[in-house]
Amino acid sequence: LKQCLETNITRSRQEAAPVEVGLYYE
């Protein structure tokens, strides 16, 4: 629980969109 809450805090402080990586593969 503690780690999950800390992760959510980190995400809430993000100020930019994530880098989008697309992989087209077989």
mmCIF file of all heavy atoms, coordinates in Angstrom:
data_MODEL
# 
_entry.id   MODEL 
# 
loop_
_atom_site.group_PDB 
_atom_site.id 
_atom_site.type_symbol 
_atom_site.label_atom_id 
_atom_site.label_alt_id 
_atom_site.label_comp_id 
_atom_site.label_asym_id 
_atom_site.label_entity_id 
_atom_site.label_seq_id 
_atom_site.pdbx_PDB_ins_code 
_atom_site.Cartn_x 
_atom_site.Cartn_y 
_atom_site.Cartn_z 
_atom_site.occupancy 
_atom_site.B_iso_or_equiv 
_atom_site.pdbx_formal_charge 
_atom_site.auth_seq_id 
_atom_site.auth_comp_id 
_atom_site.auth_asym_id 
_atom_site.auth_atom_id 
_atom_site.pdbx_PDB_model_num 
ATOM 1   N N   . LEU A 1 1  ? 0.823  -1.207  0.000   1.00 0.00 ? 1  LEU A N   1 
ATOM 2   C CA  . LEU A 1 1  ? 0.000  0.000   0.000   1.00 0.00 ? 1  LEU A CA  1 
ATOM 3   C C   . LEU A 1 1  ? 0.857  1.256   0.000   1.00 0.00 ? 1  LEU A C   1 
ATOM 4   O O   . LEU A 1 1  ? 0.618  2.186   -0.778  1.00 0.00 ? 1  LEU A O   1 
ATOM 5   C CB  . LEU A 1 1  ? -0.931 0.002   1.221   1.00 0.00 ? 1  LEU A CB  1 
ATOM 6   C CG  . LEU A 1 1  ? -1.785 1.265   1.407   1.00 0.00 ? 1  LEU A CG  1 
ATOM 7   C CD1 . LEU A 1 1  ? -2.701 1.474   0.208   1.00 0.00 ? 1  LEU A CD1 1 
ATOM 8   C CD2 . LEU A 1 1  ? -2.597 1.178   2.690   1.00 0.00 ? 1  LEU A CD2 1 
ATOM 9   N N   . LYS A 1 2  ? 1.874  1.312   0.861   1.00 0.00 ? 2  LYS A N   1 
ATOM 10  C CA  . LYS A 1 2  ? 2.724  2.497   0.954   1.00 0.00 ? 2  LYS A CA  1 
ATOM 11  C C   . LYS A 1 2  ? 3.404  2.781   -0.381  1.00 0.00 ? 2  LYS A C   1 
ATOM 12  O O   . LYS A 1 2  ? 3.419  3.915   -0.867  1.00 0.00 ? 2  LYS A O   1 
ATOM 13  C CB  . LYS A 1 2  ? 3.778  2.301   2.043   1.00 0.00 ? 2  LYS A CB  1 
ATOM 14  C CG  . LYS A 1 2  ? 4.765  3.465   2.195   1.00 0.00 ? 2  LYS A CG  1 
ATOM 15  C CD  . LYS A 1 2  ? 5.693  3.210   3.383   1.00 0.00 ? 2  LYS A CD  1 
ATOM 16  C CE  . LYS A 1 2  ? 6.685  4.356   3.546   1.00 0.00 ? 2  LYS A CE  1 
ATOM 17  N NZ  . LYS A 1 2  ? 7.694  4.357   2.468   1.00 0.00 ? 2  LYS A NZ  1 
ATOM 18  N N   . GLN A 1 3  ? 3.953  1.735   -1.011  1.00 0.00 ? 3  GLN A N   1 
ATOM 19  C CA  . GLN A 1 3  ? 4.644  1.926   -2.283  1.00 0.00 ? 3  GLN A CA  1 
ATOM 20  C C   . GLN A 1 3  ? 3.691  2.368   -3.379  1.00 0.00 ? 3  GLN A C   1 
ATOM 21  O O   . GLN A 1 3  ? 4.033  3.208   -4.215  1.00 0.00 ? 3  GLN A O   1 
ATOM 22  C CB  . GLN A 1 3  ? 5.368  0.633   -2.690  1.00 0.00 ? 3  GLN A CB  1 
ATOM 23  C CG  . GLN A 1 3  ? 6.536  0.270   -1.773  1.00 0.00 ? 3  GLN A CG  1 
ATOM 24  C CD  . GLN A 1 3  ? 6.109  -0.591  -0.596  1.00 0.00 ? 3  GLN A CD  1 
ATOM 25  O OE1 . GLN A 1 3  ? 4.935  -0.596  -0.209  1.00 0.00 ? 3  GLN A OE1 1 
ATOM 26  N NE2 . GLN A 1 3  ? 7.057  -1.315  -0.010  1.00 0.00 ? 3  GLN A NE2 1 
ATOM 27  N N   . CYS A 1 4  ? 2.480  1.817   -3.389  1.00 0.00 ? 4  CYS A N   1 
ATOM 28  C CA  . CYS A 1 4  ? 1.504  2.201   -4.406  1.00 0.00 ? 4  CYS A CA  1 
ATOM 29  C C   . CYS A 1 4  ? 1.092  3.656   -4.250  1.00 0.00 ? 4  CYS A C   1 
ATOM 30  O O   . CYS A 1 4  ? 0.961  4.395   -5.232  1.00 0.00 ? 4  CYS A O   1 
ATOM 31  C CB  . CYS A 1 4  ? 0.267  1.307   -4.334  1.00 0.00 ? 4  CYS A CB  1 
ATOM 32  S SG  . CYS A 1 4  ? 0.564  -0.410  -4.836  1.00 0.00 ? 4  CYS A SG  1 
ATOM 33  N N   . LEU A 1 5  ? 0.897  4.087   -2.994  1.00 0.00 ? 5  LEU A N   1 
ATOM 34  C CA  . LEU A 1 5  ? 0.536  5.473   -2.745  1.00 0.00 ? 5  LEU A CA  1 
ATOM 35  C C   . LEU A 1 5  ? 1.659  6.410   -3.169  1.00 0.00 ? 5  LEU A C   1 
ATOM 36  O O   . LEU A 1 5  ? 1.417  7.472   -3.743  1.00 0.00 ? 5  LEU A O   1 
ATOM 37  C CB  . LEU A 1 5  ? 0.206  5.671   -1.263  1.00 0.00 ? 5  LEU A CB  1 
ATOM 38  C CG  . LEU A 1 5  ? -1.073 5.001   -0.764  1.00 0.00 ? 5  LEU A CG  1 
ATOM 39  C CD1 . LEU A 1 5  ? -1.209 5.171   0.748   1.00 0.00 ? 5  LEU A CD1 1 
ATOM 40  C CD2 . LEU A 1 5  ? -2.296 5.577   -1.469  1.00 0.00 ? 5  LEU A CD2 1 
ATOM 41  N N   . GLU A 1 6  ? 2.902  6.014   -2.897  1.00 0.00 ? 6  GLU A N   1 
ATOM 42  C CA  . GLU A 1 6  ? 4.038  6.850   -3.294  1.00 0.00 ? 6  GLU A CA  1 
ATOM 43  C C   . GLU A 1 6  ? 4.141  6.956   -4.801  1.00 0.00 ? 6  GLU A C   1 
ATOM 44  O O   . GLU A 1 6  ? 4.475  8.013   -5.357  1.00 0.00 ? 6  GLU A O   1 
ATOM 45  C CB  . GLU A 1 6  ? 5.334  6.277   -2.702  1.00 0.00 ? 6  GLU A CB  1 
ATOM 46  C CG  . GLU A 1 6  ? 5.437  6.451   -1.204  1.00 0.00 ? 6  GLU A CG  1 
ATOM 47  C CD  . GLU A 1 6  ? 6.671  5.795   -0.616  1.00 0.00 ? 6  GLU A CD  1 
ATOM 48  O OE1 . GLU A 1 6  ? 7.316  5.015   -1.354  1.00 0.00 ? 6  GLU A OE1 1 
ATOM 49  O OE2 . GLU A 1 6  ? 6.999  6.058   0.553   1.00 0.00 ? 6  GLU A OE2 1 
ATOM 50  N N   . THR A 1 7  ? 3.853  5.864   -5.495  1.00 0.00 ? 7  THR A N   1 
ATOM 51  C CA  . THR A 1 7  ? 3.882  5.883   -6.958  1.00 0.00 ? 7  THR A CA  1 
ATOM 52  C C   . THR A 1 7  ? 2.824  6.825   -7.505  1.00 0.00 ? 7  THR A C   1 
ATOM 53  O O   . THR A 1 7  ? 3.067  7.576   -8.449  1.00 0.00 ? 7  THR A O   1 
ATOM 54  C CB  . THR A 1 7  ? 3.655  4.463   -7.508  1.00 0.00 ? 7  THR A CB  1 
ATOM 55  O OG1 . THR A 1 7  ? 4.685  3.612   -7.038  1.00 0.00 ? 7  THR A OG1 1 
ATOM 56  C CG2 . THR A 1 7  ? 3.677  4.473   -9.030  1.00 0.00 ? 7  THR A CG2 1 
ATOM 57  N N   . ASN A 1 8  ? 1.642  6.805   -6.899  1.00 0.00 ? 8  ASN A N   1 
ATOM 58  C CA  . ASN A 1 8  ? 0.576  7.712   -7.342  1.00 0.00 ? 8  ASN A CA  1 
ATOM 59  C C   . ASN A 1 8  ? 0.947  9.161   -7.110  1.00 0.00 ? 8  ASN A C   1 
ATOM 60  O O   . ASN A 1 8  ? 0.617  10.042  -7.908  1.00 0.00 ? 8  ASN A O   1 
ATOM 61  C CB  . ASN A 1 8  ? -0.731 7.381   -6.623  1.00 0.00 ? 8  ASN A CB  1 
ATOM 62  C CG  . ASN A 1 8  ? -1.338 6.087   -7.104  1.00 0.00 ? 8  ASN A CG  1 
ATOM 63  O OD1 . ASN A 1 8  ? -1.096 5.683   -8.240  1.00 0.00 ? 8  ASN A OD1 1 
ATOM 64  N ND2 . ASN A 1 8  ? -2.114 5.429   -6.255  1.00 0.00 ? 8  ASN A ND2 1 
ATOM 65  N N   . ILE A 1 9  ? 1.665  9.448   -5.999  1.00 0.00 ? 9  ILE A N   1 
ATOM 66  C CA  . ILE A 1 9  ? 2.125  10.806  -5.738  1.00 0.00 ? 9  ILE A CA  1 
ATOM 67  C C   . ILE A 1 9  ? 3.087  11.251  -6.825  1.00 0.00 ? 9  ILE A C   1 
ATOM 68  O O   . ILE A 1 9  ? 3.019  12.358  -7.350  1.00 0.00 ? 9  ILE A O   1 
ATOM 69  C CB  . ILE A 1 9  ? 2.807  10.888  -4.349  1.00 0.00 ? 9  ILE A CB  1 
ATOM 70  C CG1 . ILE A 1 9  ? 1.770  10.710  -3.249  1.00 0.00 ? 9  ILE A CG1 1 
ATOM 71  C CG2 . ILE A 1 9  ? 3.526  12.221  -4.189  1.00 0.00 ? 9  ILE A CG2 1 
ATOM 72  C CD1 . ILE A 1 9  ? 2.361  10.608  -1.856  1.00 0.00 ? 9  ILE A CD1 1 
ATOM 73  N N   . THR A 1 10 ? 4.004  10.361  -7.203  1.00 0.00 ? 10 THR A N   1 
ATOM 74  C CA  . THR A 1 10 ? 4.961  10.686  -8.254  1.00 0.00 ? 10 THR A CA  1 
ATOM 75  C C   . THR A 1 10 ? 4.240  11.029  -9.547  1.00 0.00 ? 10 THR A C   1 
ATOM 76  O O   . THR A 1 10 ? 4.557  12.007  -10.220 1.00 0.00 ? 10 THR A O   1 
ATOM 77  C CB  . THR A 1 10 ? 5.903  9.487   -8.496  1.00 0.00 ? 10 THR A CB  1 
ATOM 78  O OG1 . THR A 1 10 ? 6.586  9.185   -7.285  1.00 0.00 ? 10 THR A OG1 1 
ATOM 79  C CG2 . THR A 1 10 ? 6.930  9.816   -9.577  1.00 0.00 ? 10 THR A CG2 1 
ATOM 80  N N   . ARG A 1 11 ? 3.256  10.225  -9.905  1.00 0.00 ? 11 ARG A N   1 
ATOM 81  C CA  . ARG A 1 11 ? 2.544  10.453  -11.163 1.00 0.00 ? 11 ARG A CA  1 
ATOM 82  C C   . ARG A 1 11 ? 1.770  11.759  -11.128 1.00 0.00 ? 11 ARG A C   1 
ATOM 83  O O   . ARG A 1 11 ? 1.666  12.465  -12.121 1.00 0.00 ? 11 ARG A O   1 
ATOM 84  C CB  . ARG A 1 11 ? 1.610  9.284   -11.449 1.00 0.00 ? 11 ARG A CB  1 
ATOM 85  C CG  . ARG A 1 11 ? 2.371  8.022   -11.821 1.00 0.00 ? 11 ARG A CG  1 
ATOM 86  C CD  . ARG A 1 11 ? 1.430  6.902   -12.186 1.00 0.00 ? 11 ARG A CD  1 
ATOM 87  N NE  . ARG A 1 11 ? 2.164  5.781   -12.735 1.00 0.00 ? 11 ARG A NE  1 
ATOM 88  C CZ  . ARG A 1 11 ? 1.597  4.656   -13.140 1.00 0.00 ? 11 ARG A CZ  1 
ATOM 89  N NH1 . ARG A 1 11 ? 0.293  4.506   -13.059 1.00 0.00 ? 11 ARG A NH1 1 
ATOM 90  N NH2 . ARG A 1 11 ? 2.321  3.680   -13.638 1.00 0.00 ? 11 ARG A NH2 1 
ATOM 91  N N   . SER A 1 12 ? 1.193  12.088  -9.945  1.00 0.00 ? 12 SER A N   1 
ATOM 92  C CA  . SER A 1 12 ? 0.401  13.312  -9.852  1.00 0.00 ? 12 SER A CA  1 
ATOM 93  C C   . SER A 1 12 ? 1.272  14.546  -10.020 1.00 0.00 ? 12 SER A C   1 
ATOM 94  O O   . SER A 1 12 ? 0.777  15.612  -10.359 1.00 0.00 ? 12 SER A O   1 
ATOM 95  C CB  . SER A 1 12 ? -0.330 13.355  -8.507  1.00 0.00 ? 12 SER A CB  1 
ATOM 96  O OG  . SER A 1 12 ? 0.580  13.500  -7.435  1.00 0.00 ? 12 SER A OG  1 
ATOM 97  N N   . ARG A 1 13 ? 2.571  14.413  -9.772  1.00 0.00 ? 13 ARG A N   1 
ATOM 98  C CA  . ARG A 1 13 ? 3.481  15.547  -9.886  1.00 0.00 ? 13 ARG A CA  1 
ATOM 99  C C   . ARG A 1 13 ? 4.098  15.675  -11.271 1.00 0.00 ? 13 ARG A C   1 
ATOM 100 O O   . ARG A 1 13 ? 4.851  16.601  -11.532 1.00 0.00 ? 13 ARG A O   1 
ATOM 101 C CB  . ARG A 1 13 ? 4.606  15.409  -8.838  1.00 0.00 ? 13 ARG A CB  1 
ATOM 102 C CG  . ARG A 1 13 ? 4.103  15.543  -7.403  1.00 0.00 ? 13 ARG A CG  1 
ATOM 103 C CD  . ARG A 1 13 ? 5.242  15.384  -6.416  1.00 0.00 ? 13 ARG A CD  1 
ATOM 104 N NE  . ARG A 1 13 ? 4.774  15.526  -5.045  1.00 0.00 ? 13 ARG A NE  1 
ATOM 105 C CZ  . ARG A 1 13 ? 5.554  15.360  -3.972  1.00 0.00 ? 13 ARG A CZ  1 
ATOM 106 N NH1 . ARG A 1 13 ? 6.827  15.040  -4.133  1.00 0.00 ? 13 ARG A NH1 1 
ATOM 107 N NH2 . ARG A 1 13 ? 5.059  15.510  -2.763  1.00 0.00 ? 13 ARG A NH2 1 
ATOM 108 N N   . GLN A 1 14 ? 3.818  14.737  -12.131 1.00 0.00 ? 14 GLN A N   1 
ATOM 109 C CA  . GLN A 1 14 ? 4.367  14.810  -13.474 1.00 0.00 ? 14 GLN A CA  1 
ATOM 110 C C   . GLN A 1 14 ? 3.805  16.023  -14.203 1.00 0.00 ? 14 GLN A C   1 
ATOM 111 O O   . GLN A 1 14 ? 2.617  16.321  -14.123 1.00 0.00 ? 14 GLN A O   1 
ATOM 112 C CB  . GLN A 1 14 ? 4.054  13.540  -14.253 1.00 0.00 ? 14 GLN A CB  1 
ATOM 113 C CG  . GLN A 1 14 ? 4.860  12.341  -13.782 1.00 0.00 ? 14 GLN A CG  1 
ATOM 114 C CD  . GLN A 1 14 ? 4.521  11.098  -14.570 1.00 0.00 ? 14 GLN A CD  1 
ATOM 115 O OE1 . GLN A 1 14 ? 3.515  11.046  -15.271 1.00 0.00 ? 14 GLN A OE1 1 
ATOM 116 N NE2 . GLN A 1 14 ? 5.347  10.083  -14.464 1.00 0.00 ? 14 GLN A NE2 1 
ATOM 117 N N   . GLU A 1 15 ? 4.681  16.714  -14.907 1.00 0.00 ? 15 GLU A N   1 
ATOM 118 C CA  . GLU A 1 15 ? 4.306  17.946  -15.577 1.00 0.00 ? 15 GLU A CA  1 
ATOM 119 C C   . GLU A 1 15 ? 4.345  17.822  -17.092 1.00 0.00 ? 15 GLU A C   1 
ATOM 120 O O   . GLU A 1 15 ? 4.175  18.806  -17.793 1.00 0.00 ? 15 GLU A O   1 
ATOM 121 C CB  . GLU A 1 15 ? 5.237  19.075  -15.128 1.00 0.00 ? 15 GLU A CB  1 
ATOM 122 C CG  . GLU A 1 15 ? 5.185  19.325  -13.621 1.00 0.00 ? 15 GLU A CG  1 
ATOM 123 C CD  . GLU A 1 15 ? 6.203  20.349  -13.162 1.00 0.00 ? 15 GLU A CD  1 
ATOM 124 O OE1 . GLU A 1 15 ? 6.912  20.900  -14.044 1.00 0.00 ? 15 GLU A OE1 1 
ATOM 125 O OE2 . GLU A 1 15 ? 6.301  20.599  -11.956 1.00 0.00 ? 15 GLU A OE2 1 
ATOM 126 N N   . ALA A 1 16 ? 4.588  16.653  -17.601 1.00 0.00 ? 16 ALA A N   1 
ATOM 127 C CA  . ALA A 1 16 ? 4.699  16.478  -19.047 1.00 0.00 ? 16 ALA A CA  1 
ATOM 128 C C   . ALA A 1 16 ? 4.103  15.142  -19.462 1.00 0.00 ? 16 ALA A C   1 
ATOM 129 O O   . ALA A 1 16 ? 4.006  14.211  -18.659 1.00 0.00 ? 16 ALA A O   1 
ATOM 130 C CB  . ALA A 1 16 ? 6.172  16.555  -19.481 1.00 0.00 ? 16 ALA A CB  1 
ATOM 131 N N   . ALA A 1 17 ? 3.703  15.068  -20.711 1.00 0.00 ? 17 ALA A N   1 
ATOM 132 C CA  . ALA A 1 17 ? 3.168  13.818  -21.252 1.00 0.00 ? 17 ALA A CA  1 
ATOM 133 C C   . ALA A 1 17 ? 4.287  12.793  -21.371 1.00 0.00 ? 17 ALA A C   1 
ATOM 134 O O   . ALA A 1 17 ? 5.448  13.139  -21.597 1.00 0.00 ? 17 ALA A O   1 
ATOM 135 C CB  . ALA A 1 17 ? 2.545  14.074  -22.613 1.00 0.00 ? 17 ALA A CB  1 
ATOM 136 N N   . PRO A 1 18 ? 3.959  11.511  -21.223 1.00 0.00 ? 18 PRO A N   1 
ATOM 137 C CA  . PRO A 1 18 ? 4.988  10.485  -21.381 1.00 0.00 ? 18 PRO A CA  1 
ATOM 138 C C   . PRO A 1 18 ? 5.482  10.410  -22.818 1.00 0.00 ? 18 PRO A C   1 
ATOM 139 O O   . PRO A 1 18 ? 4.774  10.798  -23.752 1.00 0.00 ? 18 PRO A O   1 
ATOM 140 C CB  . PRO A 1 18 ? 4.265  9.199   -20.979 1.00 0.00 ? 18 PRO A CB  1 
ATOM 141 C CG  . PRO A 1 18 ? 2.819  9.485   -21.226 1.00 0.00 ? 18 PRO A CG  1 
ATOM 142 C CD  . PRO A 1 18 ? 2.634  10.936  -20.935 1.00 0.00 ? 18 PRO A CD  1 
ATOM 143 N N   . VAL A 1 19 ? 6.680  9.928   -22.993 1.00 0.00 ? 19 VAL A N   1 
ATOM 144 C CA  . VAL A 1 19 ? 7.217  9.675   -24.325 1.00 0.00 ? 19 VAL A CA  1 
ATOM 145 C C   . VAL A 1 19 ? 6.526  8.437   -24.882 1.00 0.00 ? 19 VAL A C   1 
ATOM 146 O O   . VAL A 1 19 ? 6.505  7.390   -24.225 1.00 0.00 ? 19 VAL A O   1 
ATOM 147 C CB  . VAL A 1 19 ? 8.746  9.457   -24.281 1.00 0.00 ? 19 VAL A CB  1 
ATOM 148 C CG1 . VAL A 1 19 ? 9.289  9.134   -25.663 1.00 0.00 ? 19 VAL A CG1 1 
ATOM 149 C CG2 . VAL A 1 19 ? 9.439  10.680  -23.694 1.00 0.00 ? 19 VAL A CG2 1 
ATOM 150 N N   . GLU A 1 20 ? 5.946  8.551   -26.054 1.00 0.00 ? 20 GLU A N   1 
ATOM 151 C CA  . GLU A 1 20 ? 5.201  7.448   -26.649 1.00 0.00 ? 20 GLU A CA  1 
ATOM 152 C C   . GLU A 1 20 ? 6.106  6.630   -27.564 1.00 0.00 ? 20 GLU A C   1 
ATOM 153 O O   . GLU A 1 20 ? 6.634  7.140   -28.541 1.00 0.00 ? 20 GLU A O   1 
ATOM 154 C CB  . GLU A 1 20 ? 4.003  7.985   -27.434 1.00 0.00 ? 20 GLU A CB  1 
ATOM 155 C CG  . GLU A 1 20 ? 2.994  8.719   -26.559 1.00 0.00 ? 20 GLU A CG  1 
ATOM 156 C CD  . GLU A 1 20 ? 1.811  9.233   -27.354 1.00 0.00 ? 20 GLU A CD  1 
ATOM 157 O OE1 . GLU A 1 20 ? 1.768  8.975   -28.584 1.00 0.00 ? 20 GLU A OE1 1 
ATOM 158 O OE2 . GLU A 1 20 ? 0.944  9.894   -26.756 1.00 0.00 ? 20 GLU A OE2 1 
ATOM 159 N N   . VAL A 1 21 ? 6.261  5.369   -27.224 1.00 0.00 ? 21 VAL A N   1 
ATOM 160 C CA  . VAL A 1 21 ? 7.106  4.454   -27.991 1.00 0.00 ? 21 VAL A CA  1 
ATOM 161 C C   . VAL A 1 21 ? 6.218  3.408   -28.660 1.00 0.00 ? 21 VAL A C   1 
ATOM 162 O O   . VAL A 1 21 ? 5.464  2.706   -27.981 1.00 0.00 ? 21 VAL A O   1 
ATOM 163 C CB  . VAL A 1 21 ? 8.146  3.761   -27.086 1.00 0.00 ? 21 VAL A CB  1 
ATOM 164 C CG1 . VAL A 1 21 ? 8.991  2.776   -27.898 1.00 0.00 ? 21 VAL A CG1 1 
ATOM 165 C CG2 . VAL A 1 21 ? 9.020  4.796   -26.393 1.00 0.00 ? 21 VAL A CG2 1 
ATOM 166 N N   . GLY A 1 22 ? 6.281  3.321   -29.966 1.00 0.00 ? 22 GLY A N   1 
ATOM 167 C CA  . GLY A 1 22 ? 5.541  2.313   -30.703 1.00 0.00 ? 22 GLY A CA  1 
ATOM 168 C C   . GLY A 1 22 ? 6.491  1.276   -31.277 1.00 0.00 ? 22 GLY A C   1 
ATOM 169 O O   . GLY A 1 22 ? 7.535  1.633   -31.837 1.00 0.00 ? 22 GLY A O   1 
ATOM 170 N N   . LEU A 1 23 ? 6.147  0.009   -31.122 1.00 0.00 ? 23 LEU A N   1 
ATOM 171 C CA  . LEU A 1 23 ? 6.959  -1.065  -31.695 1.00 0.00 ? 23 LEU A CA  1 
ATOM 172 C C   . LEU A 1 23 ? 6.100  -1.884  -32.641 1.00 0.00 ? 23 LEU A C   1 
ATOM 173 O O   . LEU A 1 23 ? 5.124  -2.515  -32.229 1.00 0.00 ? 23 LEU A O   1 
ATOM 174 C CB  . LEU A 1 23 ? 7.534  -1.969  -30.605 1.00 0.00 ? 23 LEU A CB  1 
ATOM 175 C CG  . LEU A 1 23 ? 8.324  -3.177  -31.123 1.00 0.00 ? 23 LEU A CG  1 
ATOM 176 C CD1 . LEU A 1 23 ? 9.562  -2.723  -31.909 1.00 0.00 ? 23 LEU A CD1 1 
ATOM 177 C CD2 . LEU A 1 23 ? 8.724  -4.111  -29.982 1.00 0.00 ? 23 LEU A CD2 1 
ATOM 178 N N   . TYR A 1 24 ? 6.480  -1.881  -33.901 1.00 0.00 ? 24 TYR A N   1 
ATOM 179 C CA  . TYR A 1 24 ? 5.830  -2.686  -34.933 1.00 0.00 ? 24 TYR A CA  1 
ATOM 180 C C   . TYR A 1 24 ? 6.756  -3.862  -35.188 1.00 0.00 ? 24 TYR A C   1 
ATOM 181 O O   . TYR A 1 24 ? 7.911  -3.683  -35.609 1.00 0.00 ? 24 TYR A O   1 
ATOM 182 C CB  . TYR A 1 24 ? 5.593  -1.841  -36.192 1.00 0.00 ? 24 TYR A CB  1 
ATOM 183 C CG  . TYR A 1 24 ? 4.626  -0.708  -35.942 1.00 0.00 ? 24 TYR A CG  1 
ATOM 184 C CD1 . TYR A 1 24 ? 5.036  0.448   -35.284 1.00 0.00 ? 24 TYR A CD1 1 
ATOM 185 C CD2 . TYR A 1 24 ? 3.294  -0.801  -36.340 1.00 0.00 ? 24 TYR A CD2 1 
ATOM 186 C CE1 . TYR A 1 24 ? 4.143  1.484   -35.023 1.00 0.00 ? 24 TYR A CE1 1 
ATOM 187 C CE2 . TYR A 1 24 ? 2.395  0.227   -36.093 1.00 0.00 ? 24 TYR A CE2 1 
ATOM 188 C CZ  . TYR A 1 24 ? 2.831  1.369   -35.430 1.00 0.00 ? 24 TYR A CZ  1 
ATOM 189 O OH  . TYR A 1 24 ? 1.943  2.385   -35.178 1.00 0.00 ? 24 TYR A OH  1 
ATOM 190 N N   . TYR A 1 25 ? 6.261  -5.080  -34.953 1.00 0.00 ? 25 TYR A N   1 
ATOM 191 C CA  . TYR A 1 25 ? 7.162  -6.225  -34.904 1.00 0.00 ? 25 TYR A CA  1 
ATOM 192 C C   . TYR A 1 25 ? 6.450  -7.498  -35.317 1.00 0.00 ? 25 TYR A C   1 
ATOM 193 O O   . TYR A 1 25 ? 5.241  -7.514  -35.597 1.00 0.00 ? 25 TYR A O   1 
ATOM 194 C CB  . TYR A 1 25 ? 7.738  -6.364  -33.494 1.00 0.00 ? 25 TYR A CB  1 
ATOM 195 C CG  . TYR A 1 25 ? 6.743  -6.862  -32.460 1.00 0.00 ? 25 TYR A CG  1 
ATOM 196 C CD1 . TYR A 1 25 ? 6.797  -8.172  -31.990 1.00 0.00 ? 25 TYR A CD1 1 
ATOM 197 C CD2 . TYR A 1 25 ? 5.759  -6.020  -31.938 1.00 0.00 ? 25 TYR A CD2 1 
ATOM 198 C CE1 . TYR A 1 25 ? 5.890  -8.636  -31.044 1.00 0.00 ? 25 TYR A CE1 1 
ATOM 199 C CE2 . TYR A 1 25 ? 4.860  -6.469  -30.986 1.00 0.00 ? 25 TYR A CE2 1 
ATOM 200 C CZ  . TYR A 1 25 ? 4.922  -7.781  -30.539 1.00 0.00 ? 25 TYR A CZ  1 
ATOM 201 O OH  . TYR A 1 25 ? 4.031  -8.240  -29.607 1.00 0.00 ? 25 TYR A OH  1 
ATOM 202 N N   . GLU A 1 26 ? 7.213  -8.587  -35.332 1.00 0.00 ? 26 GLU A N   1 
ATOM 203 C CA  . GLU A 1 26 ? 6.699  -9.930  -35.594 1.00 0.00 ? 26 GLU A CA  1 
ATOM 204 C C   . GLU A 1 26 ? 7.142  -10.844 -34.469 1.00 0.00 ? 26 GLU A C   1 
ATOM 205 O O   . GLU A 1 26 ? 8.272  -10.735 -33.978 1.00 0.00 ? 26 GLU A O   1 
ATOM 206 C CB  . GLU A 1 26 ? 7.231  -10.459 -36.924 1.00 0.00 ? 26 GLU A CB  1 
ATOM 207 C CG  . GLU A 1 26 ? 6.872  -9.617  -38.127 1.00 0.00 ? 26 GLU A CG  1 
ATOM 208 C CD  . GLU A 1 26 ? 7.693  -9.968  -39.367 1.00 0.00 ? 26 GLU A CD  1 
ATOM 209 O OE1 . GLU A 1 26 ? 8.719  -10.684 -39.235 1.00 0.00 ? 26 GLU A OE1 1 
ATOM 210 O OE2 . GLU A 1 26 ? 7.300  -9.523  -40.458 1.00 0.00 ? 26 GLU A OE2 1 
# 
